[in-house]
N, C-alpha and C. Protein backbone atom coordinates (compact mmCIF):
# COMPACT_ATOMS: atom_id res chain seq x y z
N MET A 1 214.62 153.62 268.80
CA MET A 1 214.20 152.91 267.60
C MET A 1 213.75 151.50 267.99
N THR A 2 212.59 151.08 267.43
CA THR A 2 212.07 149.74 267.73
C THR A 2 212.77 148.70 266.88
N PRO A 3 213.00 147.55 267.47
CA PRO A 3 213.64 146.50 266.66
C PRO A 3 212.70 146.04 265.54
N HIS A 4 213.28 145.71 264.42
CA HIS A 4 212.52 145.28 263.25
C HIS A 4 212.15 143.81 263.41
N LYS A 5 210.85 143.48 263.24
CA LYS A 5 210.41 142.10 263.31
C LYS A 5 210.60 141.43 261.96
N THR A 6 210.92 140.17 262.00
CA THR A 6 211.03 139.43 260.75
C THR A 6 209.63 139.15 260.23
N LYS A 7 209.55 138.79 258.97
CA LYS A 7 208.26 138.51 258.36
C LYS A 7 207.59 137.31 259.05
N ALA A 8 208.39 136.29 259.39
CA ALA A 8 207.85 135.09 260.05
C ALA A 8 207.27 135.45 261.42
N ALA A 9 207.94 136.30 262.17
CA ALA A 9 207.45 136.69 263.49
C ALA A 9 206.15 137.48 263.36
N THR A 10 206.06 138.34 262.36
CA THR A 10 204.84 139.12 262.14
C THR A 10 203.67 138.20 261.79
N LEU A 11 203.90 137.22 260.91
CA LEU A 11 202.85 136.27 260.55
C LEU A 11 202.43 135.45 261.76
N SER A 12 203.40 135.03 262.55
CA SER A 12 203.10 134.24 263.74
C SER A 12 202.24 135.05 264.73
N ASP A 13 202.58 136.34 264.93
CA ASP A 13 201.81 137.19 265.83
C ASP A 13 200.37 137.34 265.33
N SER A 14 200.20 137.56 264.03
CA SER A 14 198.86 137.76 263.50
C SER A 14 198.07 136.46 263.58
N PHE A 15 198.71 135.31 263.38
CA PHE A 15 198.03 134.03 263.47
C PHE A 15 197.54 133.79 264.90
N ASN A 16 198.39 134.05 265.89
CA ASN A 16 198.01 133.85 267.28
C ASN A 16 196.88 134.80 267.68
N THR A 17 196.90 136.01 267.18
CA THR A 17 195.84 136.97 267.50
C THR A 17 194.51 136.48 266.94
N ARG A 18 194.51 136.01 265.69
CA ARG A 18 193.28 135.53 265.08
C ARG A 18 192.74 134.31 265.82
N ASN A 19 193.60 133.40 266.24
CA ASN A 19 193.14 132.21 266.94
C ASN A 19 192.54 132.55 268.29
N ASN A 20 193.07 133.56 268.96
CA ASN A 20 192.53 133.94 270.26
C ASN A 20 191.20 134.67 270.13
N GLU A 21 190.99 135.35 269.00
CA GLU A 21 189.77 136.13 268.82
C GLU A 21 188.60 135.29 268.32
N THR A 22 188.86 134.29 267.51
CA THR A 22 187.78 133.50 266.93
C THR A 22 187.87 132.06 267.40
N ARG A 23 186.72 131.41 267.44
CA ARG A 23 186.65 130.02 267.83
C ARG A 23 186.41 129.19 266.57
N LYS A 24 187.09 128.07 266.48
CA LYS A 24 186.93 127.21 265.31
C LYS A 24 185.54 126.58 265.31
N THR A 25 184.88 126.62 264.18
CA THR A 25 183.55 126.03 264.05
C THR A 25 183.68 124.53 263.87
N MET A 26 182.87 123.78 264.61
CA MET A 26 182.89 122.33 264.50
C MET A 26 181.84 121.90 263.47
N TYR A 27 182.20 120.97 262.62
CA TYR A 27 181.29 120.45 261.61
C TYR A 27 181.07 118.96 261.83
N HIS A 28 179.92 118.47 261.39
CA HIS A 28 179.59 117.06 261.49
C HIS A 28 179.11 116.55 260.14
N MET A 29 179.24 115.24 259.93
CA MET A 29 178.70 114.57 258.76
C MET A 29 177.74 113.49 259.22
N LEU A 30 176.71 113.27 258.42
CA LEU A 30 175.77 112.20 258.68
C LEU A 30 176.25 110.94 257.97
N TYR A 31 176.39 109.86 258.73
CA TYR A 31 176.80 108.58 258.17
C TYR A 31 175.63 107.60 258.27
N ALA A 32 175.54 106.69 257.31
CA ALA A 32 174.46 105.70 257.31
C ALA A 32 175.01 104.33 256.93
N LYS A 33 174.34 103.31 257.47
CA LYS A 33 174.68 101.93 257.15
C LYS A 33 173.39 101.19 256.83
N GLY A 34 173.34 100.59 255.66
CA GLY A 34 172.15 99.87 255.22
C GLY A 34 171.98 98.54 255.92
N PRO A 35 170.87 97.88 255.67
CA PRO A 35 170.56 96.63 256.36
C PRO A 35 171.61 95.52 256.16
N ASN A 36 172.18 95.43 254.97
CA ASN A 36 173.14 94.36 254.70
C ASN A 36 174.57 94.88 254.59
N ALA A 37 174.81 96.11 254.96
CA ALA A 37 176.14 96.71 254.83
C ALA A 37 177.01 96.39 256.05
N ASN A 38 178.31 96.38 255.82
CA ASN A 38 179.26 96.13 256.90
C ASN A 38 179.84 97.41 257.47
N ARG A 39 179.71 98.50 256.74
CA ARG A 39 180.32 99.76 257.19
C ARG A 39 179.42 100.96 256.92
N PHE A 40 179.72 102.03 257.66
CA PHE A 40 179.01 103.29 257.48
C PHE A 40 179.66 104.09 256.36
N ASN A 41 178.85 104.81 255.60
CA ASN A 41 179.34 105.73 254.57
C ASN A 41 178.68 107.09 254.78
N PRO A 42 179.40 108.17 254.44
CA PRO A 42 178.80 109.51 254.58
C PRO A 42 177.66 109.71 253.57
N ILE A 43 176.79 110.65 253.91
CA ILE A 43 175.59 110.93 253.10
C ILE A 43 175.69 112.29 252.43
N ASP A 44 175.28 112.35 251.17
CA ASP A 44 175.07 113.63 250.50
C ASP A 44 173.61 113.99 250.76
N TRP A 45 173.38 115.01 251.57
CA TRP A 45 172.03 115.36 252.03
C TRP A 45 171.13 115.75 250.87
N LYS A 46 171.69 116.44 249.87
CA LYS A 46 170.88 116.94 248.75
C LYS A 46 170.31 115.79 247.92
N SER A 47 171.12 114.79 247.62
CA SER A 47 170.65 113.68 246.80
C SER A 47 170.09 112.54 247.64
N GLY A 48 170.49 112.48 248.92
CA GLY A 48 170.04 111.39 249.79
C GLY A 48 170.80 110.10 249.58
N ASN A 49 171.93 110.17 248.87
CA ASN A 49 172.71 108.97 248.57
C ASN A 49 173.95 108.87 249.45
N GLN A 50 174.39 107.64 249.66
CA GLN A 50 175.66 107.43 250.32
C GLN A 50 176.76 107.71 249.31
N VAL A 51 177.87 108.29 249.79
CA VAL A 51 178.99 108.59 248.91
C VAL A 51 180.24 107.90 249.44
N ILE A 52 181.13 107.58 248.55
CA ILE A 52 182.40 106.96 248.94
C ILE A 52 183.41 108.05 249.26
N ASN A 53 183.46 109.08 248.43
CA ASN A 53 184.40 110.18 248.59
C ASN A 53 183.80 111.23 249.52
N LYS A 54 184.45 111.52 250.63
CA LYS A 54 183.94 112.49 251.61
C LYS A 54 183.79 113.89 251.02
N MET A 55 184.47 114.14 249.92
CA MET A 55 184.39 115.44 249.29
C MET A 55 182.95 115.76 248.87
N PHE A 56 182.16 114.74 248.60
CA PHE A 56 180.80 114.93 248.13
C PHE A 56 179.77 114.83 249.26
N ALA A 57 180.22 114.56 250.48
CA ALA A 57 179.30 114.45 251.62
C ALA A 57 178.96 115.84 252.15
N THR A 58 177.79 115.97 252.75
CA THR A 58 177.34 117.24 253.30
C THR A 58 177.90 117.42 254.70
N MET A 59 178.46 118.61 254.95
CA MET A 59 178.95 118.97 256.27
C MET A 59 177.93 119.88 256.93
N PHE A 60 177.58 119.57 258.18
CA PHE A 60 176.59 120.34 258.91
C PHE A 60 177.28 121.19 259.98
N SER A 61 176.88 122.46 260.08
CA SER A 61 177.42 123.35 261.11
C SER A 61 176.84 122.95 262.46
N GLU A 62 177.31 123.59 263.53
CA GLU A 62 176.84 123.27 264.87
C GLU A 62 175.33 123.48 265.01
N GLU A 63 174.80 124.56 264.44
CA GLU A 63 173.37 124.84 264.52
C GLU A 63 172.56 123.77 263.81
N ASN A 64 172.99 123.41 262.60
CA ASN A 64 172.27 122.39 261.83
C ASN A 64 172.41 121.01 262.47
N THR A 65 173.55 120.77 263.11
CA THR A 65 173.76 119.48 263.77
C THR A 65 172.78 119.30 264.92
N ALA A 66 172.53 120.37 265.67
CA ALA A 66 171.58 120.29 266.78
C ALA A 66 170.18 119.94 266.26
N LYS A 67 169.77 120.54 265.15
CA LYS A 67 168.46 120.23 264.57
C LYS A 67 168.42 118.79 264.06
N LEU A 68 169.52 118.36 263.45
CA LEU A 68 169.57 117.01 262.90
C LEU A 68 169.54 115.95 264.00
N ARG A 69 170.17 116.23 265.13
CA ARG A 69 170.13 115.30 266.27
C ARG A 69 168.69 115.05 266.72
N GLU A 70 167.87 116.09 266.69
CA GLU A 70 166.47 115.95 267.07
C GLU A 70 165.70 115.10 266.05
N ASP A 71 166.12 115.14 264.79
CA ASP A 71 165.43 114.41 263.72
C ASP A 71 165.94 112.99 263.51
N LEU A 72 167.02 112.59 264.19
CA LEU A 72 167.57 111.25 263.99
C LEU A 72 166.57 110.14 264.30
N PRO A 73 165.80 110.22 265.40
CA PRO A 73 164.82 109.15 265.63
C PRO A 73 163.81 109.01 264.49
N ALA A 74 163.40 110.13 263.90
CA ALA A 74 162.47 110.08 262.77
C ALA A 74 163.12 109.43 261.55
N LEU A 75 164.42 109.68 261.35
CA LEU A 75 165.14 109.03 260.24
C LEU A 75 165.17 107.52 260.43
N HIS A 76 165.44 107.08 261.67
CA HIS A 76 165.47 105.65 261.96
C HIS A 76 164.10 105.01 261.71
N GLU A 77 163.02 105.68 262.12
CA GLU A 77 161.68 105.15 261.93
C GLU A 77 161.28 105.09 260.46
N ALA A 78 161.67 106.11 259.69
CA ALA A 78 161.30 106.18 258.27
C ALA A 78 162.09 105.20 257.41
N ASN A 79 163.24 104.73 257.92
CA ASN A 79 164.11 103.84 257.15
C ASN A 79 164.44 102.60 257.99
N PRO A 80 163.50 101.64 258.07
CA PRO A 80 163.76 100.46 258.89
C PRO A 80 164.97 99.67 258.39
N GLY A 81 165.78 99.22 259.32
CA GLY A 81 166.97 98.45 258.96
C GLY A 81 168.21 99.31 258.78
N TRP A 82 168.04 100.61 258.61
CA TRP A 82 169.16 101.52 258.43
C TRP A 82 169.59 102.08 259.77
N THR A 83 170.88 102.35 259.90
CA THR A 83 171.43 102.97 261.11
C THR A 83 172.10 104.27 260.71
N PHE A 84 171.84 105.33 261.46
CA PHE A 84 172.40 106.65 261.16
C PHE A 84 173.25 107.12 262.33
N GLU A 85 174.35 107.83 262.02
CA GLU A 85 175.24 108.39 263.03
C GLU A 85 175.68 109.78 262.58
N LEU A 86 175.90 110.66 263.56
CA LEU A 86 176.55 111.94 263.29
C LEU A 86 177.97 111.85 263.79
N ARG A 87 178.92 112.22 262.95
CA ARG A 87 180.33 112.16 263.32
C ARG A 87 181.00 113.52 263.10
N LYS A 88 181.94 113.83 263.98
CA LYS A 88 182.70 115.07 263.81
C LYS A 88 183.62 114.94 262.60
N CYS A 89 183.76 116.02 261.89
CA CYS A 89 184.66 116.00 260.73
C CYS A 89 185.60 117.20 260.70
N GLY A 90 185.67 117.95 261.76
CA GLY A 90 186.62 119.04 261.88
C GLY A 90 186.21 120.25 261.25
């Protein structure tokens, strides 16, 4: 007869199996700082506005981040005085 596993041990085993099988996707947010601003704020890509609450900021997947990195110089040229950064957000 096999020993009975506790519910916690079963959950732990399934969690470890899932983590070994899949890789966590990395996300990034676009941050911007205006000409007279002291700090960077995240951007809502759909509206093009800076947001205070990160809940409303757009998160970009790894594929979209690669495309956005290529477009950053164009963003800087189109918006003189503004500074843009891509930051990891988990």
